[in-house]
Amino acid sequence: MGKHKGLKFLSKFGVVAVVLFVLLSFNWDRIELESRAFVVTIGIDVAKDDDKPFEVSMNISDTAAMEQGGDENPVVKRNASGESLAHAMGQVEAKISDKIYYGHTKAVVIGAEVLEDSDLLREVIDTLSRKNDINIKCIIMATDKTAAEILAAQPQEQGLLGVYLASFYNSNNANTASSVVKLDLEGLIVSLRAGQSAVIPKITLEGEGDEEEVTIGGVAVVRDFARVGYIDEEDMRGFLWLTENGAGTQIAIETESGHTTMLTSKSRARMDFYEEGGRLHCLARLNVEGSIEGALFMEEQLFDADNLAALEERFAGKIQGEMEDIFRILQKDFAVDGFGLKEKLRKKQWGLYQKYEEDWPLAYDEMIFVARVDLTIRNTGAVK
């Protein structure tokens, strides 16, 4: 009897397995692909209609055109306004026959006027955080223009703006070329919840007519849910040293015989806190390793023991200065805790956090910043 029951069980199991195999092997992906509109980039602006505060633009991947062998990166562009951000997004969906899908959204661009209005920006963050199908790792960008203008200007390398941004940040270009800050939706939410402030990477347009293209660099500084200013790209490398893995970053110094350039291979920063003289101090320690990428040909004496130590000191001094400059700009010019120091203090020094948490704006304004850089040149690439 037991044997027959076992055979019946196996028989039933076999039927179930066959059914599952048929269901799983059916081309469900094709059905979903053809019935969904994949939103790659979202732009959010203030609407021209006073009764509808939001205007939403979307770049949508035209999957049907791709399957028919059309353009490599065909884009469907749609926009609509609404009485709320959610309503505006719904109005865009009403203009498309397929079901909108946000699971592949790569980037959200927030227009200049939205950033200036704290109520609108708060609604933007709330709506995006409530949409479960939007990836919290999608890139957030600010612009000094309208988001619609940015979405309308396709990058030369890639027709889909969101894909271009994702590729840019995944490459070394973000470090080597322009020291660009990266911020995703999750990071923005955490920053605004912790201190109602954030630094959002900036995207804009340069050139005219056919030569116009998107450029990335600098940040928009947000305090109390509204933009208080911009920081140029040149001042942002200090931020990179303190918050990101700076590997791949180039740094150049001027020497007596010309310029010498180092390419960073390793970069790790650590922030700690201590109290001295009744004031809170932030100690930022940075360990950097790199190799010489460019110097004056035939100047091999630059790389003997004494001169190499002097070069390391020069490079370290320049990096330290960049770190101190960006801290001063955020602290004194904008009163923005752009490094999330309050949260770092809570995690690392609970006693100090309890002492300074109640009047954090004053504690942050009076905070002393100390930067220390330990830099080693591992390879000079000298020609023997």
Protein backbone atom coordinates (compact mmCIF):
# COMPACT_ATOMS: atom_id res chain seq x y z
CA MET A 1 0.00 0.00 0.00
CA GLY A 2 2.73 2.38 0.95
CA LYS A 3 4.43 1.73 -2.37
CA HIS A 4 1.26 2.53 -4.34
CA LYS A 5 0.68 5.72 -2.35
CA GLY A 6 4.23 6.73 -3.15
CA LEU A 7 3.65 6.10 -6.85
CA LYS A 8 0.43 8.13 -6.81
CA PHE A 9 2.25 10.95 -5.09
CA LEU A 10 5.04 10.84 -7.67
CA SER A 11 2.47 10.73 -10.45
CA LYS A 12 0.69 13.80 -9.10
CA PHE A 13 4.02 15.53 -8.59
CA GLY A 14 4.93 14.77 -12.18
CA VAL A 15 1.72 16.32 -13.49
CA VAL A 16 2.32 19.45 -11.43
CA ALA A 17 5.91 19.64 -12.68
CA VAL A 18 4.77 19.38 -16.31
CA VAL A 19 2.18 22.12 -15.80
CA LEU A 20 4.78 24.37 -14.18
CA PHE A 21 7.23 23.67 -16.99
CA VAL A 22 4.63 24.65 -19.60
CA LEU A 23 3.70 27.82 -17.73
CA LEU A 24 7.28 28.88 -17.19
CA SER A 25 8.38 28.10 -20.71
CA PHE A 26 5.55 30.12 -22.24
CA ASN A 27 6.78 33.45 -23.61
CA TRP A 28 5.26 35.63 -20.92
CA ASP A 29 8.12 38.15 -21.23
CA ARG A 30 7.09 38.94 -24.80
CA ILE A 31 3.52 39.58 -23.74
CA GLU A 32 4.70 41.94 -20.98
CA LEU A 33 7.19 43.63 -23.29
CA GLU A 34 4.56 44.40 -25.89
CA SER A 35 1.94 45.59 -23.41
CA ARG A 36 4.11 47.84 -21.25
CA ALA A 37 5.55 51.31 -21.73
CA PHE A 38 8.96 51.35 -20.05
CA VAL A 39 9.64 54.79 -18.55
CA VAL A 40 13.39 55.46 -18.66
CA THR A 41 13.52 59.12 -17.53
CA ILE A 42 11.06 61.34 -15.65
CA GLY A 43 11.16 65.15 -15.66
CA ILE A 44 9.23 67.20 -13.10
CA ASP A 45 8.44 70.90 -13.60
CA VAL A 46 6.08 73.62 -12.44
CA ALA A 47 3.17 73.73 -14.89
CA LYS A 48 2.34 76.86 -16.85
CA ASP A 49 -1.30 76.44 -15.79
CA ASP A 50 -1.75 77.95 -12.31
CA ASP A 51 -4.54 75.50 -11.53
CA LYS A 52 -2.24 72.53 -12.16
CA PRO A 53 1.03 73.00 -10.31
CA PHE A 54 2.93 70.07 -11.83
CA GLU A 55 3.99 69.17 -15.33
CA VAL A 56 5.57 65.78 -15.92
CA SER A 57 7.66 64.75 -18.91
CA MET A 58 8.63 61.17 -19.65
CA ASN A 59 11.06 59.51 -22.01
CA ILE A 60 9.66 56.07 -22.76
CA SER A 61 11.50 53.30 -24.55
CA ASP A 62 9.67 52.36 -27.76
CA THR A 63 10.05 48.60 -27.45
CA ALA A 64 7.77 47.91 -30.40
CA ALA A 65 10.03 49.96 -32.70
CA MET A 66 13.10 48.16 -31.39
CA GLU A 67 11.55 44.76 -32.08
CA GLN A 68 10.73 45.87 -35.62
CA GLY A 69 14.37 46.75 -36.21
CA GLY A 70 13.98 50.52 -36.10
CA ASP A 71 16.25 53.00 -34.36
CA GLU A 72 18.72 51.65 -31.87
CA ASN A 73 17.30 53.78 -29.06
CA PRO A 74 13.80 54.87 -30.10
CA VAL A 75 12.16 57.20 -27.61
CA VAL A 76 8.52 58.10 -27.10
CA LYS A 77 8.18 61.50 -25.40
CA ARG A 78 5.04 62.40 -23.48
CA ASN A 79 4.13 65.14 -21.04
CA ALA A 80 1.05 66.20 -19.07
CA SER A 81 0.09 68.51 -16.22
CA GLY A 82 -1.95 67.72 -13.15
CA GLU A 83 -3.34 68.99 -9.85
CA SER A 84 -0.77 66.89 -8.02
CA LEU A 85 2.36 65.05 -9.09
CA ALA A 86 0.56 61.72 -8.90
CA HIS A 87 -2.28 63.14 -10.99
CA ALA A 88 0.14 64.49 -13.61
CA MET A 89 1.89 61.11 -13.85
CA GLY A 90 -1.50 59.49 -14.29
CA GLN A 91 -2.35 61.93 -17.08
CA VAL A 92 0.77 60.87 -18.97
CA GLU A 93 -0.33 57.26 -18.64
CA ALA A 94 -3.74 58.21 -20.04
CA LYS A 95 -2.03 59.35 -23.25
CA ILE A 96 -0.45 55.95 -23.85
CA SER A 97 -2.25 52.81 -24.88
CA ASP A 98 0.14 50.54 -22.95
CA LYS A 99 0.50 50.15 -19.21
CA ILE A 100 3.26 52.42 -17.87
CA TYR A 101 6.01 50.55 -16.04
CA TYR A 102 8.50 52.40 -13.79
CA GLY A 103 10.64 49.41 -12.85
CA HIS A 104 13.30 50.40 -15.39
CA THR A 105 13.33 54.13 -14.63
CA LYS A 106 16.97 55.20 -14.56
CA ALA A 107 16.73 58.89 -13.65
CA VAL A 108 14.45 61.65 -12.37
CA VAL A 109 15.23 65.28 -13.31
CA ILE A 110 13.78 68.01 -11.08
CA GLY A 111 13.24 71.43 -12.70
CA ALA A 112 14.58 74.70 -11.30
CA GLU A 113 11.20 76.11 -10.23
CA VAL A 114 10.24 72.96 -8.34
CA LEU A 115 13.49 73.16 -6.39
CA GLU A 116 12.66 76.72 -5.33
CA ASP A 117 9.32 75.73 -3.75
CA SER A 118 9.62 73.69 -0.55
CA ASP A 119 6.01 72.47 -0.68
CA LEU A 120 6.37 71.23 -4.25
CA LEU A 121 9.68 69.50 -3.54
CA ARG A 122 8.24 67.80 -0.47
CA GLU A 123 5.36 66.50 -2.59
CA VAL A 124 7.79 65.25 -5.23
CA ILE A 125 9.79 63.25 -2.69
CA ASP A 126 6.64 61.92 -1.02
CA THR A 127 5.06 60.79 -4.30
CA LEU A 128 8.23 59.14 -5.62
CA SER A 129 8.81 57.33 -2.34
CA ARG A 130 5.23 55.98 -2.33
CA LYS A 131 5.45 54.50 -5.82
CA ASN A 132 6.71 51.03 -5.03
CA ASP A 133 7.57 50.22 -8.64
CA ILE A 134 10.11 53.07 -8.88
CA ASN A 135 13.58 51.79 -8.08
CA ILE A 136 14.98 53.63 -5.05
CA LYS A 137 18.38 53.43 -6.74
CA CYS A 138 17.29 55.57 -9.71
CA ILE A 139 19.46 58.65 -10.18
CA ILE A 140 18.18 62.06 -9.02
CA MET A 141 19.32 65.16 -10.93
CA ALA A 142 18.62 68.87 -10.50
CA THR A 143 18.68 71.41 -13.30
CA ASP A 144 18.84 75.18 -13.56
CA LYS A 145 16.49 74.91 -16.54
CA THR A 146 13.22 73.02 -16.98
CA ALA A 147 13.31 69.25 -16.78
CA ALA A 148 11.35 69.15 -20.05
CA GLU A 149 14.23 70.91 -21.83
CA ILE A 150 16.71 68.39 -20.48
CA LEU A 151 14.59 65.41 -21.55
CA ALA A 152 14.10 66.92 -25.00
CA ALA A 153 17.87 67.21 -25.59
CA GLN A 154 19.13 63.73 -26.32
CA PRO A 155 22.75 62.95 -25.43
CA GLN A 156 24.88 62.40 -28.52
CA GLU A 157 26.18 59.06 -27.27
CA GLN A 158 22.84 57.63 -26.17
CA GLY A 159 19.28 58.42 -27.22
CA LEU A 160 17.85 57.53 -23.82
CA LEU A 161 18.89 60.13 -21.24
CA GLY A 162 18.36 57.82 -18.27
CA VAL A 163 20.50 55.10 -19.83
CA TYR A 164 23.20 57.66 -20.61
CA LEU A 165 23.25 58.86 -16.99
CA ALA A 166 23.38 55.33 -15.62
CA SER A 167 26.27 54.49 -17.96
CA PHE A 168 28.08 57.71 -17.07
CA TYR A 169 27.96 57.06 -13.35
CA ASN A 170 28.95 53.40 -13.77
CA SER A 171 32.08 54.40 -15.69
CA ASN A 172 35.17 56.16 -14.43
CA ASN A 173 34.12 59.35 -16.20
CA ALA A 174 32.34 60.61 -13.10
CA ASN A 175 35.67 60.69 -11.28
CA THR A 176 38.32 61.31 -13.92
CA ALA A 177 36.52 63.91 -15.97
CA SER A 178 34.44 66.02 -13.65
CA SER A 179 34.30 64.85 -10.02
CA VAL A 180 30.56 64.46 -10.32
CA VAL A 181 28.46 63.68 -7.27
CA LYS A 182 25.99 60.80 -7.51
CA LEU A 183 22.67 60.74 -5.66
CA ASP A 184 19.90 58.17 -5.89
CA LEU A 185 16.32 58.37 -4.64
CA GLU A 186 17.14 56.44 -1.47
CA GLY A 187 20.02 58.78 -0.64
CA LEU A 188 17.87 61.85 -1.24
CA ILE A 189 15.15 60.55 1.07
CA VAL A 190 17.67 59.74 3.81
CA SER A 191 19.33 63.18 3.52
CA LEU A 192 16.06 65.10 3.64
CA ARG A 193 14.68 63.08 6.54
CA ALA A 194 17.88 63.48 8.55
CA GLY A 195 18.45 67.19 8.09
CA GLN A 196 15.98 68.54 5.53
CA SER A 197 18.97 69.27 3.32
CA ALA A 198 20.76 67.64 0.41
CA VAL A 199 23.23 68.23 -2.41
CA ILE A 200 21.74 67.12 -5.72
CA PRO A 201 23.93 66.65 -8.82
CA LYS A 202 23.23 69.22 -11.50
CA ILE A 203 22.50 68.63 -15.18
CA THR A 204 22.19 71.46 -17.67
CA LEU A 205 22.48 72.33 -21.36
CA GLU A 206 25.41 73.88 -23.17
CA GLY A 207 25.78 75.00 -26.78
CA GLU A 208 23.15 76.10 -29.27
CA GLY A 209 21.03 74.48 -31.95
CA ASP A 210 22.44 71.20 -33.19
CA GLU A 211 25.46 71.67 -30.92
CA GLU A 212 23.35 71.79 -27.75
CA GLU A 213 23.96 68.87 -25.43
CA VAL A 214 23.52 67.85 -21.81
CA THR A 215 26.39 68.38 -19.39
CA ILE A 216 26.81 67.14 -15.83
CA GLY A 217 28.70 69.00 -13.12
CA GLY A 218 28.28 70.81 -9.82
CA VAL A 219 25.32 70.50 -7.47
CA ALA A 220 22.16 72.24 -6.34
CA VAL A 221 22.18 72.80 -2.57
CA VAL A 222 18.85 72.22 -0.82
CA ARG A 223 18.06 73.42 2.72
CA ASP A 224 14.64 73.18 4.38
CA PHE A 225 13.35 71.48 1.22
CA ALA A 226 14.22 74.38 -1.08
CA ARG A 227 17.23 75.25 -3.21
CA VAL A 228 19.50 77.85 -1.64
CA GLY A 229 22.18 77.91 -4.32
CA TYR A 230 24.56 76.03 -6.57
CA ILE A 231 28.16 74.88 -6.14
CA ASP A 232 30.35 74.76 -9.22
CA GLU A 233 32.02 71.60 -10.43
CA GLU A 234 35.49 72.93 -9.60
CA ASP A 235 34.64 73.14 -5.89
CA MET A 236 33.06 69.69 -5.66
CA ARG A 237 36.12 67.44 -5.74
CA GLY A 238 36.60 67.93 -2.01
CA PHE A 239 33.13 66.47 -1.59
CA LEU A 240 34.18 63.45 -3.64
CA TRP A 241 37.23 62.85 -1.46
CA LEU A 242 35.07 62.90 1.67
CA THR A 243 32.02 60.95 0.55
CA GLU A 244 32.90 58.66 -2.36
CA ASN A 245 35.52 56.20 -3.47
CA GLY A 246 37.86 58.58 -5.26
CA ALA A 247 39.64 55.86 -7.22
CA GLY A 248 40.04 57.00 -10.82
CA THR A 249 40.33 60.68 -9.90
CA GLN A 250 43.11 62.73 -11.50
CA ILE A 251 44.85 65.49 -9.60
CA ALA A 252 47.54 67.82 -10.95
CA ILE A 253 50.06 70.09 -9.27
CA GLU A 254 52.38 72.68 -10.73
CA THR A 255 56.11 72.00 -10.33
CA GLU A 256 59.14 74.08 -11.24
CA SER A 257 59.49 72.29 -14.57
CA GLY A 258 55.82 71.98 -15.47
CA HIS A 259 52.77 70.04 -14.30
CA THR A 260 52.70 66.61 -12.71
CA THR A 261 49.51 64.54 -12.70
CA MET A 262 48.60 61.68 -10.40
CA LEU A 263 45.88 59.10 -11.06
CA THR A 264 44.27 57.81 -7.87
CA SER A 265 44.05 54.03 -7.51
CA LYS A 266 42.73 53.91 -3.92
CA SER A 267 40.89 56.48 -1.82
CA ARG A 268 39.16 55.89 1.51
CA ALA A 269 37.87 58.53 3.92
CA ARG A 270 36.86 58.17 7.54
CA MET A 271 35.18 60.77 9.73
CA ASP A 272 35.40 60.80 13.53
CA PHE A 273 34.35 63.27 16.20
CA TYR A 274 35.74 64.64 19.44
CA GLU A 275 35.14 67.57 21.75
CA GLU A 276 37.78 70.14 22.56
CA GLY A 277 37.49 73.58 24.10
CA GLY A 278 33.74 73.20 24.40
CA ARG A 279 33.32 72.75 20.63
CA LEU A 280 32.61 69.74 18.49
CA HIS A 281 35.38 68.72 16.08
CA CYS A 282 35.13 66.59 12.96
CA LEU A 283 38.34 64.77 12.03
CA ALA A 284 38.42 63.59 8.43
CA ARG A 285 41.22 61.16 7.62
CA LEU A 286 41.84 60.24 4.00
CA ASN A 287 44.14 57.50 2.72
CA VAL A 288 45.11 57.89 -0.94
CA GLU A 289 47.29 55.83 -3.25
CA GLY A 290 48.09 56.62 -6.85
CA SER A 291 50.53 56.61 -9.72
CA ILE A 292 52.14 59.37 -11.74
CA GLU A 293 50.31 59.69 -15.04
CA GLY A 294 52.03 62.70 -16.54
CA ALA A 295 55.17 64.75 -15.95
CA LEU A 296 57.87 66.53 -17.95
CA PHE A 297 59.75 64.09 -20.17
CA MET A 298 63.35 63.35 -19.09
CA GLU A 299 62.83 64.83 -15.62
CA GLU A 300 63.51 61.54 -13.85
CA GLN A 301 65.10 63.31 -10.86
CA LEU A 302 61.55 64.23 -9.85
CA PHE A 303 61.13 60.68 -8.67
CA ASP A 304 64.16 60.10 -6.51
CA ALA A 305 63.45 59.43 -2.83
CA ASP A 306 63.57 63.02 -1.59
CA ASN A 307 61.67 64.56 -4.47
CA LEU A 308 59.04 61.79 -4.40
CA ALA A 309 58.35 62.52 -0.74
CA ALA A 310 58.00 66.20 -1.61
CA LEU A 311 55.55 65.35 -4.41
CA GLU A 312 53.46 63.25 -2.05
CA GLU A 313 53.35 66.16 0.39
CA ARG A 314 52.31 68.56 -2.38
CA PHE A 315 49.53 66.28 -3.65
CA ALA A 316 48.32 65.65 -0.09
CA GLY A 317 48.28 69.39 0.62
CA LYS A 318 46.18 70.11 -2.46
CA ILE A 319 43.67 67.40 -1.57
CA GLN A 320 43.50 68.65 2.03
CA GLY A 321 42.78 72.14 0.76
CA GLU A 322 39.96 70.86 -1.45
CA MET A 323 38.42 69.04 1.51
CA GLU A 324 38.61 72.13 3.71
CA ASP A 325 37.17 74.37 0.99
CA ILE A 326 34.04 72.29 0.38
CA PHE A 327 33.40 71.89 4.09
CA ARG A 328 33.64 75.68 4.55
CA ILE A 329 31.29 76.32 1.60
CA LEU A 330 28.61 73.99 2.92
CA GLN A 331 29.01 75.06 6.54
CA LYS A 332 29.37 78.83 6.21
CA ASP A 333 27.90 79.75 2.83
CA PHE A 334 24.84 77.48 2.92
CA ALA A 335 24.50 76.19 6.52
CA VAL A 336 23.90 72.73 5.06
CA ASP A 337 25.12 69.49 6.61
CA GLY A 338 25.90 68.01 3.23
CA PHE A 339 27.95 65.15 4.67
CA GLY A 340 25.26 63.80 7.02
CA LEU A 341 27.48 64.52 10.02
CA LYS A 342 24.59 64.51 12.48
CA GLU A 343 23.73 60.93 11.56
CA LYS A 344 27.42 59.92 11.59
CA LEU A 345 27.77 61.42 15.07
CA ARG A 346 24.72 59.49 16.27
CA LYS A 347 26.21 56.21 15.07
CA LYS A 348 29.77 56.80 16.29
CA GLN A 349 29.59 58.97 19.44
CA TRP A 350 26.25 58.54 21.17
CA GLY A 351 27.27 60.62 24.17
CA LEU A 352 28.32 63.58 22.04
CA TYR A 353 25.22 63.16 19.90
CA GLN A 354 22.97 63.46 22.95
CA LYS A 355 24.82 66.60 24.03
CA TYR A 356 24.66 68.42 20.68
CA GLU A 357 21.56 66.98 19.00
CA GLU A 358 19.06 69.41 20.50
CA ASP A 359 20.77 72.48 19.03
CA TRP A 360 22.44 70.88 16.04
CA PRO A 361 22.37 73.96 13.73
CA LEU A 362 24.50 75.91 16.22
CA ALA A 363 26.77 72.93 16.90
CA TYR A 364 27.32 72.45 13.18
CA ASP A 365 27.97 76.15 12.59
CA GLU A 366 30.64 76.19 15.30
CA MET A 367 32.13 72.81 14.40
CA ILE A 368 35.88 72.69 13.77
CA PHE A 369 36.88 70.66 10.72
CA VAL A 370 40.28 68.96 10.71
CA ALA A 371 41.53 67.20 7.56
CA ARG A 372 44.46 64.81 7.42
CA VAL A 373 45.65 63.18 4.21
CA ASP A 374 48.01 60.20 4.04
CA LEU A 375 49.11 59.90 0.40
CA THR A 376 51.42 57.37 -1.21
CA ILE A 377 52.66 57.31 -4.81
CA ARG A 378 52.99 53.62 -5.65
CA ASN A 379 54.20 53.91 -9.23
CA THR A 380 56.00 56.70 -11.06
CA GLY A 381 55.89 55.06 -14.49
CA ALA A 382 59.42 56.35 -15.01
CA VAL A 383 61.07 55.49 -18.31
CA LYS A 384 64.44 53.86 -17.72
